């Protein structure tokens, strides 16, 4: 079932720094409005919020595939008398995205070739935000099941007007997971009506255990696509027809210091055996390690036992935390700079980092 989205922001966005956007969703049935909307989970930075939805008649000219992802003005909703109309779901959301991740990948081919380290670092940040959102969904028993570049939206994170030194092209975009049409929610995490409706279903249907690491697998495919490589299972259809190992998957080009780590992460997420597949939480820690360390030179020191390694890692965490606090202090007195999304994500990492988990992550990345 296809979904085509347009965004048009409210005019009050310019005057009061507040905005709403609308998505027009073309589906085979207009009755899927409730299914499209985000499941009832607490608000999260990387999950699209549904402020309301309804079915409306929309001109067919707005549903042309060539216009997917392009912004239109509010006037575009006025149907022409000569234009045929279709019943579509219109979802009102708080976020006003600038593009889909598919648009971002398509427009950044030249950047990836010219500045591979800059581009692949940005890819790591996008994947980290994706893992944050998926981790939140899993905490509430929700499996997305339709992770693709078109369903990941990018929202610009613009600095305050007073921050003259900040450059828009340096600011990381906020990644939003959208389109929950295929999502499944495990029983026990929803409301009483959901539990009652599932009371007569067979256990193998209710548990949805076969989808436990579904999102992890699709995230592995996204790594290939974000790095301008085809889906390995489209290139080699026979892979899924037989038992395969990570060595059977295509290799990613080694273009930057992040390439090897992303390759290792993709292989671990695309394990044929779900039991061997790394969890989203582990993938998140691997991306954090790729972005902020510790680097391989720290772990290559001759250490006599595991406790010595843990002490080295604890000293590294303490040092990084102190440096980050100094950075925050400098930003606090500098009226022309502000704390950015990268700083916030780094703070999340260092706040929860501890030697045992760091050691496990380094082993997954094959840095130990």
Protein backbone atom coordinates (compact mmCIF):
# COMPACT_ATOMS: atom_id res chain seq x y z
CA UNK A 1 0.00 0.00 0.00
CA UNK A 2 1.66 3.19 -1.12
CA UNK A 3 1.70 6.50 0.70
CA UNK A 4 2.49 9.81 -0.96
CA UNK A 5 3.16 12.76 1.30
CA UNK A 6 3.15 16.51 0.80
CA UNK A 7 3.97 19.12 3.39
CA UNK A 8 2.68 22.65 3.58
CA UNK A 9 3.41 24.67 6.69
CA UNK A 10 1.10 27.08 8.42
CA UNK A 11 1.63 30.80 7.83
CA UNK A 12 1.83 31.44 11.57
CA UNK A 13 5.17 29.66 11.51
CA UNK A 14 6.91 32.80 10.26
CA UNK A 15 5.36 35.16 12.79
CA UNK A 16 5.40 33.17 16.02
CA UNK A 17 8.05 30.49 15.43
CA UNK A 18 5.32 27.86 15.60
CA UNK A 19 4.09 25.74 12.76
CA UNK A 20 2.05 22.79 11.66
CA UNK A 21 2.37 20.71 8.55
CA UNK A 22 -0.01 18.44 6.72
CA UNK A 23 0.66 15.17 4.94
CA UNK A 24 -1.61 13.99 2.17
CA UNK A 25 -1.49 10.22 2.13
CA UNK A 26 -2.61 8.38 -0.97
CA UNK A 27 -3.65 4.86 -0.07
CA UNK A 28 -5.78 2.20 -1.68
CA UNK A 29 -8.44 2.73 0.96
CA UNK A 30 -9.35 5.94 2.72
CA UNK A 31 -10.40 3.94 5.82
CA UNK A 32 -6.77 3.44 6.83
CA UNK A 33 -6.62 6.86 8.47
CA UNK A 34 -6.42 5.43 11.95
CA UNK A 35 -3.89 2.83 10.86
CA UNK A 36 -1.60 5.43 9.34
CA UNK A 37 -1.33 7.47 12.47
CA UNK A 38 1.44 7.01 14.97
CA UNK A 39 0.61 4.46 17.69
CA UNK A 40 -0.33 5.93 21.07
CA UNK A 41 3.18 6.17 22.52
CA UNK A 42 4.62 9.01 24.60
CA UNK A 43 6.14 11.87 22.66
CA UNK A 44 9.68 11.34 21.37
CA UNK A 45 12.07 13.63 19.52
CA UNK A 46 12.42 11.22 16.58
CA UNK A 47 8.82 9.99 16.24
CA UNK A 48 6.28 11.85 14.12
CA UNK A 49 3.42 13.29 16.15
CA UNK A 50 -0.12 13.05 14.85
CA UNK A 51 -2.09 16.14 15.87
CA UNK A 52 -5.18 15.02 13.97
CA UNK A 53 -6.27 13.31 10.77
CA UNK A 54 -9.26 13.25 8.45
CA UNK A 55 -10.33 12.08 5.00
CA UNK A 56 -10.60 14.77 2.33
CA UNK A 57 -11.14 15.01 -1.42
CA UNK A 58 -7.86 16.00 -3.03
CA UNK A 59 -7.20 16.88 -6.71
CA UNK A 60 -5.44 14.10 -8.57
CA UNK A 61 -2.85 16.63 -9.77
CA UNK A 62 -1.48 16.71 -6.23
CA UNK A 63 -0.95 12.97 -6.21
CA UNK A 64 1.43 12.70 -9.14
CA UNK A 65 4.47 10.63 -8.27
CA UNK A 66 6.77 13.27 -9.74
CA UNK A 67 5.76 15.67 -6.97
CA UNK A 68 6.42 13.35 -4.04
CA UNK A 69 8.10 15.09 -1.14
CA UNK A 70 7.78 18.58 -2.56
CA UNK A 71 6.31 21.38 -0.50
CA UNK A 72 3.13 23.03 -1.70
CA UNK A 73 1.24 26.03 -0.49
CA UNK A 74 -2.13 25.97 1.17
CA UNK A 75 -3.66 27.21 -2.09
CA UNK A 76 -2.74 23.88 -3.66
CA UNK A 77 -5.53 22.21 -1.75
CA UNK A 78 -8.28 24.09 -3.60
CA UNK A 79 -9.69 21.64 -6.13
CA UNK A 80 -10.19 22.67 -9.70
CA UNK A 81 -13.57 22.01 -11.27
CA UNK A 82 -11.89 20.27 -14.17
CA UNK A 83 -9.70 18.12 -11.97
CA UNK A 84 -10.82 14.73 -10.74
CA UNK A 85 -10.62 14.20 -7.01
CA UNK A 86 -9.66 11.31 -4.76
CA UNK A 87 -10.41 10.58 -1.13
CA UNK A 88 -7.15 10.71 0.79
CA UNK A 89 -6.02 10.76 4.38
CA UNK A 90 -4.73 14.14 5.53
CA UNK A 91 -2.57 13.93 8.65
CA UNK A 92 -1.74 17.10 10.59
CA UNK A 93 1.66 16.94 12.26
CA UNK A 94 3.66 19.31 14.42
CA UNK A 95 6.91 18.87 12.48
CA UNK A 96 7.55 20.69 9.18
CA UNK A 97 10.05 18.51 7.28
CA UNK A 98 12.18 19.89 4.48
CA UNK A 99 12.76 16.58 2.68
CA UNK A 100 12.76 12.83 2.99
CA UNK A 101 15.94 10.90 3.59
CA UNK A 102 15.54 9.59 0.04
CA UNK A 103 15.81 13.18 -1.20
CA UNK A 104 18.88 13.74 0.97
CA UNK A 105 20.63 10.64 -0.38
CA UNK A 106 19.76 11.49 -3.98
CA UNK A 107 21.07 15.06 -3.66
CA UNK A 108 24.31 14.17 -1.84
CA UNK A 109 26.04 11.87 -4.33
CA UNK A 110 28.60 14.55 -5.24
CA UNK A 111 29.17 15.45 -1.57
CA UNK A 112 29.87 11.81 -0.71
CA UNK A 113 32.50 11.64 -3.45
CA UNK A 114 34.11 15.00 -2.67
CA UNK A 115 33.97 14.87 1.16
CA UNK A 116 33.38 11.26 2.17
CA UNK A 117 34.33 11.73 5.83
CA UNK A 118 31.90 14.63 6.29
CA UNK A 119 29.09 12.78 4.55
CA UNK A 120 29.56 9.45 6.34
CA UNK A 121 29.76 11.22 9.69
CA UNK A 122 26.38 12.78 8.92
CA UNK A 123 25.05 9.34 7.99
CA UNK A 124 26.15 8.09 11.43
CA UNK A 125 24.16 10.89 13.06
CA UNK A 126 21.05 10.06 11.04
CA UNK A 127 21.35 6.38 11.93
CA UNK A 128 21.88 7.26 15.59
CA UNK A 129 18.64 9.26 15.64
CA UNK A 130 16.87 6.38 13.89
CA UNK A 131 18.09 4.01 16.60
CA UNK A 132 16.91 6.43 19.30
CA UNK A 133 13.43 6.43 17.82
CA UNK A 134 13.30 2.67 17.33
CA UNK A 135 14.56 2.08 20.86
CA UNK A 136 11.67 4.21 22.13
CA UNK A 137 9.17 2.25 20.03
CA UNK A 138 10.50 -1.07 21.32
CA UNK A 139 10.10 0.12 24.90
CA UNK A 140 6.38 0.41 24.14
CA UNK A 141 6.12 -2.86 22.23
CA UNK A 142 5.87 -1.31 18.76
CA UNK A 143 7.56 -2.71 15.65
CA UNK A 144 7.57 -0.36 12.65
CA UNK A 145 8.12 -2.95 9.86
CA UNK A 146 8.38 -0.40 7.04
CA UNK A 147 11.71 1.38 7.48
CA UNK A 148 12.75 2.86 4.16
CA UNK A 149 14.31 6.14 3.04
CA UNK A 150 10.92 7.57 2.05
CA UNK A 151 9.48 7.07 5.55
CA UNK A 152 12.31 8.92 7.32
CA UNK A 153 11.75 12.68 7.25
CA UNK A 154 14.32 15.40 7.92
CA UNK A 155 13.42 18.54 9.86
CA UNK A 156 15.89 21.46 9.89
CA UNK A 157 17.22 22.36 13.34
CA UNK A 158 17.75 26.08 12.96
CA UNK A 159 19.72 27.94 15.63
CA UNK A 160 18.23 30.90 17.54
CA UNK A 161 18.28 34.21 15.67
CA UNK A 162 20.86 35.58 18.14
CA UNK A 163 23.43 32.94 17.22
CA UNK A 164 25.16 34.69 14.35
CA UNK A 165 28.10 32.28 14.19
CA UNK A 166 25.98 29.23 13.54
CA UNK A 167 25.72 28.09 9.93
CA UNK A 168 22.63 26.32 8.63
CA UNK A 169 24.67 23.88 6.53
CA UNK A 170 26.53 22.69 9.63
CA UNK A 171 23.44 22.02 11.71
CA UNK A 172 22.33 18.42 11.80
CA UNK A 173 18.73 17.80 10.71
CA UNK A 174 16.31 16.11 13.05
CA UNK A 175 15.24 12.69 11.78
CA UNK A 176 11.57 11.77 12.12
CA UNK A 177 10.19 8.23 11.75
CA UNK A 178 6.83 8.39 9.97
CA UNK A 179 4.20 6.12 8.36
CA UNK A 180 3.07 3.53 10.89
CA UNK A 181 0.69 1.82 8.49
CA UNK A 182 2.46 -1.56 8.82
CA UNK A 183 3.39 -1.22 12.48
CA UNK A 184 2.54 -3.96 14.97
CA UNK A 185 2.05 -3.52 18.68
CA UNK A 186 2.65 -6.34 21.12
CA UNK A 187 -0.25 -7.15 23.45
CA UNK A 188 0.07 -5.76 26.94
CA UNK A 189 1.46 -2.45 25.71
CA UNK A 190 -1.80 -1.07 24.33
CA UNK A 191 -5.18 -0.22 25.83
CA UNK A 192 -7.80 -2.61 27.21
CA UNK A 193 -9.80 -2.60 23.97
CA UNK A 194 -6.78 -3.91 22.05
CA UNK A 195 -6.26 -6.70 24.59
CA UNK A 196 -9.92 -7.69 24.39
CA UNK A 197 -9.88 -7.81 20.59
CA UNK A 198 -6.85 -10.11 20.64
CA UNK A 199 -8.15 -12.42 23.37
CA UNK A 200 -9.38 -15.02 20.86
CA UNK A 201 -6.32 -15.00 18.60
CA UNK A 202 -3.87 -17.89 18.49
CA UNK A 203 -0.59 -17.37 20.40
CA UNK A 204 1.59 -17.43 17.26
CA UNK A 205 -0.47 -14.56 15.83
CA UNK A 206 -0.61 -12.44 18.97
CA UNK A 207 3.03 -12.70 20.01
CA UNK A 208 4.42 -11.40 16.72
CA UNK A 209 7.68 -13.01 17.78
CA UNK A 210 8.75 -13.39 14.15
CA UNK A 211 8.98 -9.59 13.97
CA UNK A 212 11.15 -9.20 17.07
CA UNK A 213 14.23 -8.07 15.13
CA UNK A 214 12.49 -7.00 11.94
CA UNK A 215 13.43 -3.32 12.34
CA UNK A 216 17.06 -4.25 12.97
CA UNK A 217 17.24 -6.04 9.62
CA UNK A 218 15.73 -3.10 7.73
CA UNK A 219 18.16 -0.72 9.46
CA UNK A 220 21.03 -2.81 8.07
CA UNK A 221 19.64 -2.35 4.55
CA UNK A 222 19.33 1.40 5.18
CA UNK A 223 23.07 1.61 5.90
CA UNK A 224 23.78 0.40 2.36
CA UNK A 225 21.27 2.80 0.83
CA UNK A 226 22.47 5.81 2.85
CA UNK A 227 25.98 5.13 1.54
CA UNK A 228 24.71 5.16 -2.06
CA UNK A 229 24.80 1.40 -2.42
CA UNK A 230 21.90 -0.78 -3.59
CA UNK A 231 19.94 -3.01 -1.28
CA UNK A 232 22.15 -6.14 -1.20
CA UNK A 233 19.07 -8.39 -1.35
CA UNK A 234 17.90 -6.73 -4.55
CA UNK A 235 21.30 -7.19 -6.13
CA UNK A 236 21.65 -10.80 -4.98
CA UNK A 237 18.16 -12.22 -4.69
CA UNK A 238 19.55 -15.68 -4.02
CA UNK A 239 20.88 -14.57 -0.61
CA UNK A 240 17.50 -15.01 1.05
CA UNK A 241 16.90 -18.29 -0.75
CA UNK A 242 19.71 -19.98 1.17
CA UNK A 243 21.71 -19.71 4.36
CA UNK A 244 24.15 -16.85 4.03
CA UNK A 245 26.86 -15.33 6.17
CA UNK A 246 27.95 -11.68 6.44
CA UNK A 247 30.87 -12.48 4.13
CA UNK A 248 28.34 -13.13 1.34
CA UNK A 249 27.07 -9.55 1.54
CA UNK A 250 28.58 -6.89 -0.75
CA UNK A 251 31.41 -4.84 0.73
CA UNK A 252 30.93 -1.13 1.31
CA UNK A 253 33.56 1.17 -0.25
CA UNK A 254 36.17 2.19 2.31
CA UNK A 255 36.14 5.97 1.90
CA UNK A 256 36.53 7.35 5.43
CA UNK A 257 37.30 6.44 9.03
CA UNK A 258 33.62 5.55 9.46
CA UNK A 259 33.36 3.09 6.54
CA UNK A 260 34.74 0.04 8.32
CA UNK A 261 32.55 0.52 11.38
CA UNK A 262 29.43 1.04 9.27
CA UNK A 263 30.29 -2.11 7.31
CA UNK A 264 30.63 -4.12 10.53
CA UNK A 265 27.35 -2.70 11.87
CA UNK A 266 25.51 -3.52 8.63
CA UNK A 267 26.77 -7.11 8.74
CA UNK A 268 25.67 -7.57 12.36
CA UNK A 269 22.21 -6.15 11.62
CA UNK A 270 21.79 -8.32 8.52
CA UNK A 271 22.59 -11.64 10.18
CA UNK A 272 20.33 -14.33 8.73
CA UNK A 273 19.80 -15.81 12.20
CA UNK A 274 17.73 -13.34 14.29
CA UNK A 275 19.39 -14.64 17.46
CA UNK A 276 22.80 -13.48 16.19
CA UNK A 277 21.45 -10.14 14.98
CA UNK A 278 22.46 -7.21 17.22
CA UNK A 279 19.72 -5.32 19.00
CA UNK A 280 18.90 -1.69 18.25
CA UNK A 281 20.38 -0.66 21.60
CA UNK A 282 23.69 -2.30 20.64
CA UNK A 283 23.59 -0.67 17.20
CA UNK A 284 23.04 2.70 18.89
CA UNK A 285 26.12 2.21 21.10
CA UNK A 286 28.21 1.21 18.09
CA UNK A 287 27.24 4.42 16.27
CA UNK A 288 28.03 6.49 19.38
CA UNK A 289 31.42 4.84 19.58
CA UNK A 290 32.10 5.55 15.90
CA UNK A 291 31.24 9.22 16.38
CA UNK A 292 32.92 10.03 19.69
CA UNK A 293 35.27 7.19 20.54
CA UNK A 294 37.11 5.66 22.23
CA UNK A 295 39.41 5.23 19.26
CA UNK A 296 41.45 2.17 18.41
CA UNK A 297 44.74 3.69 19.62
CA UNK A 298 43.36 3.77 23.19
CA UNK A 299 42.44 0.09 23.13
CA UNK A 300 45.75 -0.99 21.59
CA UNK A 301 47.64 -0.26 24.82
CA UNK A 302 49.15 -3.41 26.40
CA UNK A 303 46.81 -4.32 29.27
CA UNK A 304 47.33 -7.27 31.59
CA UNK A 305 43.67 -8.05 32.40
CA UNK A 306 40.05 -6.96 31.91
CA UNK A 307 40.01 -4.76 35.00
CA UNK A 308 42.89 -2.69 33.61
CA UNK A 309 40.92 -2.13 30.39
CA UNK A 310 37.87 -1.04 32.38
CA UNK A 311 39.98 1.45 34.31
CA UNK A 312 41.37 2.91 31.08
CA UNK A 313 37.84 3.23 29.69
CA UNK A 314 36.56 4.84 32.91
CA UNK A 315 39.39 7.41 32.80
CA UNK A 316 38.48 8.15 29.17
CA UNK A 317 34.81 8.68 30.05
CA UNK A 318 35.70 11.01 32.94
CA UNK A 319 37.96 13.08 30.68
CA UNK A 320 35.35 13.34 27.89
CA UNK A 321 32.66 14.38 30.38
CA UNK A 322 34.88 17.12 31.77
CA UNK A 323 35.67 18.42 28.26
CA UNK A 324 31.98 18.44 27.35
CA UNK A 325 31.09 20.43 30.47
CA UNK A 326 33.77 22.98 29.58
CA UNK A 327 32.26 23.23 26.12
CA UNK A 328 28.79 23.84 27.58
CA UNK A 329 30.21 26.50 29.88
CA UNK A 330 31.80 28.31 26.93
CA UNK A 331 28.54 28.20 24.98
CA UNK A 332 26.64 29.58 27.98
CA UNK A 333 28.68 32.81 28.01
CA UNK A 334 28.87 33.13 24.21
CA UNK A 335 25.68 34.84 23.05
CA UNK A 336 26.52 34.10 19.40
CA UNK A 337 26.67 30.32 19.81
CA UNK A 338 24.18 27.82 21.17
CA UNK A 339 24.12 24.15 22.10
CA UNK A 340 23.52 22.12 18.94
CA UNK A 341 21.90 18.75 18.27
CA UNK A 342 25.32 17.09 18.07
CA UNK A 343 26.18 18.36 21.56
CA UNK A 344 22.91 17.00 22.94
CA UNK A 345 23.44 13.57 21.37
CA UNK A 346 27.00 13.44 22.68
CA UNK A 347 25.76 14.36 26.16
CA UNK A 348 23.30 11.45 26.01
CA UNK A 349 26.16 9.10 25.15
CA UNK A 350 28.54 10.21 27.87
CA UNK A 351 25.79 10.33 30.50
CA UNK A 352 25.14 6.59 30.11
CA UNK A 353 28.59 5.33 29.05
CA UNK A 354 30.28 2.90 31.43
CA UNK A 355 33.31 0.58 31.01
CA UNK A 356 31.47 -2.75 30.67
CA UNK A 357 29.16 -1.60 27.87
CA UNK A 358 32.03 0.24 26.16
CA UNK A 359 34.14 -2.90 26.20
CA UNK A 360 31.29 -4.93 24.68
CA UNK A 361 30.75 -2.29 21.97
CA UNK A 362 34.43 -2.19 21.07
CA UNK A 363 34.41 -5.97 20.65
CA UNK A 364 31.39 -5.74 18.32
CA UNK A 365 33.27 -3.14 16.26
CA UNK A 366 36.32 -5.43 16.27
CA UNK A 367 38.42 -2.70 17.88
CA UNK A 368 39.62 -4.99 20.67
